[in-house]
Each structure stands twice: as C-alpha cells, then as structure tokens.
Protein backbone atom coordinates (compact mmCIF):
# COMPACT_ATOMS: atom_id res chain seq x y z
CA MET A 1 -23.64 219.14 13.58
CA ALA A 2 -23.86 219.62 9.37
CA SER A 3 -23.55 216.72 7.18
CA VAL A 4 -21.17 215.88 4.70
CA VAL A 5 -23.02 216.16 1.99
CA GLY A 6 -24.87 219.53 2.73
CA LEU A 7 -21.09 220.65 3.38
CA LEU A 8 -19.96 219.56 -0.11
CA GLU A 9 -23.16 221.23 -1.64
CA GLU A 10 -22.20 224.49 0.04
CA ARG A 11 -18.81 224.21 -1.73
CA GLU A 12 -20.19 223.19 -5.06
CA LEU A 13 -22.62 226.01 -5.27
CA ALA A 14 -19.60 228.62 -4.05
CA ALA A 15 -17.39 227.28 -6.77
CA ARG A 16 -20.17 227.29 -9.51
CA GLU A 17 -21.45 230.71 -8.59
CA ARG A 18 -17.43 231.70 -8.91
CA VAL A 19 -17.36 230.37 -12.64
CA GLU A 20 -20.31 232.47 -13.69
CA GLU A 21 -18.82 235.34 -12.19
CA LEU A 22 -15.68 234.60 -13.66
CA ARG A 23 -17.45 234.06 -17.25
CA GLU A 24 -19.07 237.18 -16.90
CA VAL A 25 -15.65 238.78 -16.37
CA ALA A 26 -14.61 236.83 -19.39
CA ASP A 27 -17.71 237.79 -21.62
CA ARG A 28 -17.13 241.43 -20.82
CA VAL A 29 -13.20 241.25 -21.52
CA LEU A 30 -13.66 239.53 -24.89
CA ALA A 31 -16.09 242.29 -25.89
CA GLU A 32 -13.66 245.20 -25.04
CA LEU A 33 -11.10 243.24 -26.64
CA ALA A 34 -13.45 243.03 -29.85
CA GLU A 35 -13.97 246.63 -30.16
CA ALA A 36 -10.56 247.44 -29.18
CA GLU A 37 -9.47 245.05 -32.21
CA THR A 38 -11.78 246.53 -34.24
CA ALA A 39 -10.78 250.28 -33.75
CA TRP A 40 -6.95 248.97 -34.14
CA HIS A 41 -7.86 247.28 -37.53
CA GLU A 42 -9.74 250.58 -38.68
CA TRP A 43 -6.54 252.88 -37.44
CA LEU A 44 -4.22 250.39 -39.43
CA ILE A 45 -6.56 250.38 -42.59
CA ALA A 46 -6.38 254.40 -42.47
CA ARG A 47 -2.45 254.42 -42.14
CA GLN A 48 -2.17 252.32 -45.39
CA ARG A 49 -5.00 254.56 -46.90
CA VAL A 50 -2.67 257.69 -46.28
CA GLY A 51 0.45 256.01 -47.08
CA GLU A 52 -1.38 255.11 -50.40
CA VAL A 53 -1.82 258.83 -51.32
CA LEU A 54 1.36 259.95 -50.37
CA SER A 55 3.07 257.07 -52.47
CA VAL A 56 1.41 258.30 -55.46
CA PRO A 57 3.36 261.08 -57.15
CA ARG A 58 1.45 264.24 -58.16
CA PRO A 59 2.46 266.00 -60.88
CA PRO A 60 3.83 269.93 -59.72
CA GLU A 61 1.25 271.39 -62.12
CA ALA A 62 -2.05 269.54 -60.88
CA GLY A 63 -2.26 272.06 -57.57
CA GLU A 64 -1.69 275.28 -59.77
CA ALA A 65 -4.08 274.45 -62.53
CA GLY A 66 -6.91 276.84 -62.93
CA SER A 67 -5.50 279.16 -59.73
CA ALA A 68 -4.70 282.00 -61.76
CA ALA A 69 -8.47 282.25 -63.12
CA GLY A 70 -9.52 281.69 -59.46
CA GLU A 71 -11.22 278.73 -60.60
CA PRO A 72 -10.93 275.14 -58.72
CA PRO A 73 -8.09 272.88 -60.06
CA VAL A 74 -9.22 270.44 -62.24
CA SER A 75 -8.06 267.21 -61.83
CA GLU A 76 -7.41 264.72 -65.18
CA PRO A 77 -7.98 261.37 -65.29
CA ALA A 78 -4.74 258.97 -64.13
CA THR A 79 -4.28 256.38 -66.88
CA ASN A 80 -1.71 254.36 -64.73
CA ALA A 81 -2.55 255.26 -61.27
CA PRO A 82 -3.71 251.75 -60.24
CA ALA A 83 0.20 250.69 -61.27
CA GLU A 84 1.52 253.14 -59.34
CA VAL A 85 0.02 251.97 -56.09
CA PRO A 86 1.03 248.29 -54.53
CA ALA A 87 -1.26 245.73 -53.99
CA THR A 88 0.00 244.93 -51.26
CA ARG A 89 2.71 247.42 -48.83
CA ALA A 90 5.88 245.31 -47.73
CA ALA A 91 5.96 246.64 -43.73
CA ARG A 92 8.49 248.51 -42.61
CA ALA A 93 10.58 247.76 -39.34
CA GLY A 94 8.79 248.40 -36.42
CA SER A 95 5.28 247.56 -37.72
CA ILE A 96 2.95 245.47 -36.14
CA VAL A 97 2.95 241.77 -36.98
CA PRO A 98 -0.57 240.81 -37.82
CA VAL A 99 -2.44 237.33 -36.77
CA TRP A 100 -1.71 234.92 -39.86
CA ARG A 101 -4.35 233.77 -42.06
CA PRO A 102 -4.38 232.40 -45.31
CA ALA A 103 -4.85 235.89 -47.40
CA LEU A 104 -1.91 237.24 -45.57
CA SER A 105 1.85 236.38 -47.03
CA VAL A 106 5.35 237.10 -45.85
CA ASP A 107 5.46 240.54 -47.51
CA VAL A 108 3.08 242.02 -44.36
CA LEU A 109 6.16 241.30 -41.89
CA ALA A 110 8.82 243.29 -40.96
CA PRO A 111 12.27 242.40 -42.80
CA ASP A 112 13.55 240.99 -39.65
CA TYR A 113 10.34 238.48 -39.22
CA GLN A 114 10.70 237.81 -43.07
CA ARG A 115 14.36 236.35 -42.59
CA ILE A 116 13.60 234.79 -39.61
CA LEU A 117 10.18 232.83 -41.46
CA ALA A 118 12.51 232.19 -44.65
CA MET A 119 15.24 230.79 -42.55
CA LEU A 120 12.48 228.41 -40.99
CA ALA A 121 11.10 227.88 -44.29
CA GLU A 122 14.73 226.40 -45.51
CA ARG A 123 15.30 224.04 -42.30
CA GLY A 124 11.92 222.54 -43.95
CA THR A 125 9.34 220.31 -41.29
CA GLY A 126 10.20 217.49 -39.71
CA ARG A 127 12.70 217.10 -36.14
CA ASN A 128 15.17 219.41 -38.03
CA ALA A 129 12.77 221.75 -38.18
CA VAL A 130 12.63 222.90 -34.90
CA MET A 131 15.34 225.49 -33.40
CA THR A 132 15.93 227.05 -30.19
CA CYS A 133 16.94 230.85 -30.02
CA GLN A 134 20.30 230.61 -29.94
CA GLU A 135 20.27 228.27 -32.87
CA ILE A 136 18.58 230.99 -34.56
CA THR A 137 20.42 233.90 -33.80
CA ALA A 138 22.86 231.73 -35.44
CA ALA A 139 21.49 230.61 -38.35
CA LEU A 140 20.72 234.64 -38.94
CA GLY A 141 24.20 235.64 -38.47
CA LEU A 142 23.97 237.41 -35.90
CA GLU A 143 26.08 237.47 -32.94
CA PRO A 144 25.15 235.39 -30.20
CA ALA A 145 25.36 237.88 -27.35
CA PRO A 146 22.17 237.56 -25.25
CA ALA A 147 20.54 240.84 -26.37
CA SER A 148 20.36 239.41 -29.64
CA VAL A 149 19.27 236.04 -28.81
CA GLU A 150 16.55 237.62 -26.81
CA GLY A 151 15.67 240.31 -29.34
CA VAL A 152 15.32 236.91 -31.28
CA ARG A 153 13.12 235.61 -28.41
CA SER A 154 10.80 238.18 -28.57
CA LYS A 155 10.42 237.81 -32.35
CA MET A 156 9.82 234.06 -31.82
CA LYS A 157 7.11 233.98 -29.44
CA ARG A 158 5.69 237.13 -31.23
CA LEU A 159 5.12 235.00 -34.35
CA ALA A 160 4.15 232.14 -32.34
CA ASP A 161 1.35 234.30 -30.89
CA ARG A 162 -0.17 235.44 -33.91
CA GLY A 163 0.51 232.09 -35.81
CA TRP A 164 3.15 232.63 -38.14
CA ALA A 165 5.25 230.03 -35.70
CA VAL A 166 4.99 227.07 -33.77
CA GLU A 167 6.49 226.81 -30.13
CA PRO A 168 6.15 222.86 -29.30
CA SER A 169 8.20 223.09 -26.61
CA PRO A 170 8.98 225.95 -24.45
CA GLY A 171 12.30 227.88 -26.10
CA ARG A 172 11.79 225.76 -29.12
CA PHE A 173 10.31 227.17 -32.54
CA THR A 174 9.17 226.35 -35.98
CA LEU A 175 7.20 227.36 -38.72
CA ALA A 176 3.72 227.20 -38.70
CA ALA A 177 2.03 224.65 -40.91
CA GLY A 178 -0.16 227.51 -42.32
CA PRO A 179 2.34 229.79 -43.13
CA ALA A 180 4.55 226.84 -44.40
CA CYS A 181 1.65 226.06 -47.06
CA ALA A 182 0.91 229.37 -48.28
CA SER A 183 4.68 230.70 -48.51
C-alpha cells in the first residue's frame, strides 16, 4: 500500500511539471506577441509616414521640371515644409487605440474616444467620476438604445484594456490616473 506522503509527492511533482509546461507555453506566446506588436508598430509607422508624405501638397510643376530636356526633375528646397506636416496627426474614426503612455495625448484617439475621455475628465475624480455605460451614453447625448450602449461599452472596454480608462467594478468606468494627469 502506498503511503499518503508518497501520493502527495506524486501529485506535487505532476502539478510542478504542469506549471513548467504552462510557463514554456506562456514564454512562447509572449515572444510571439512581442514579434506581432513589433510588426504592428512598423506597419503603423509606415502608414503614418505615407499619410504625412501624401498630406504635403506638391506644386504642379515640380514633377514636370526638366522633363522636356530629358533631365531628371530638380527638386527645390522647401523652406516651409516642416510647418506643413503636423507633428502629431489626429486619428481618424476607426483607427487603432494605442496603449497609453505619458508621451501620448488624447489627440491620437479617434473623435468618439476623445469625446468619451473629455466627458470623463469633466466628471473629475472620486465617487461621481465612476459611470456605467448607460450613464456615459446619456452624457454623450446618444440615444439610450441597446446598440448605442453596447457601442459605448465596447469603446470603454478597449480604453480600459489600453490604459486610458479604468473599470473599478464590472460595468463601471472612470478615467485612468495617467491620462487624467496628462490631459
């Protein structure tokens, strides 16, 4: 007959092996996540760069200069080019909500998210600052239909997941400390 201590040791060994297996899986997933985030950030930067290039107006004759003589076009130095390209571009509707960090302002968020954070910032801190999705929907002046409330709920969950807002209790949200201080 097996001893109780021996049985406990077998179970402990099995549990430890399971923990080690899960840690290996977690490490592999975290490494894949880091690679995916890097790729995502590279694509984000590429899209922003293309947007910056396309937003700078070109003079119509710049592409045609020297073409009649068979020479490559000569580009003239732009004296006011940096002023034409905004330092931080405001996000458009449907853009990705970045993870909050001190260098970011609410201008990187889509207008709907900016409205939500501005409304939460007006509420301030404390008990009155924590709101349900129904309250947020009403404060934004939206129709209190289930679709509107669910839209606000998904936006609030996204803001909370990325550090812009906090969900102190299920279904109740407030502005996170970092964005509240930075805005």
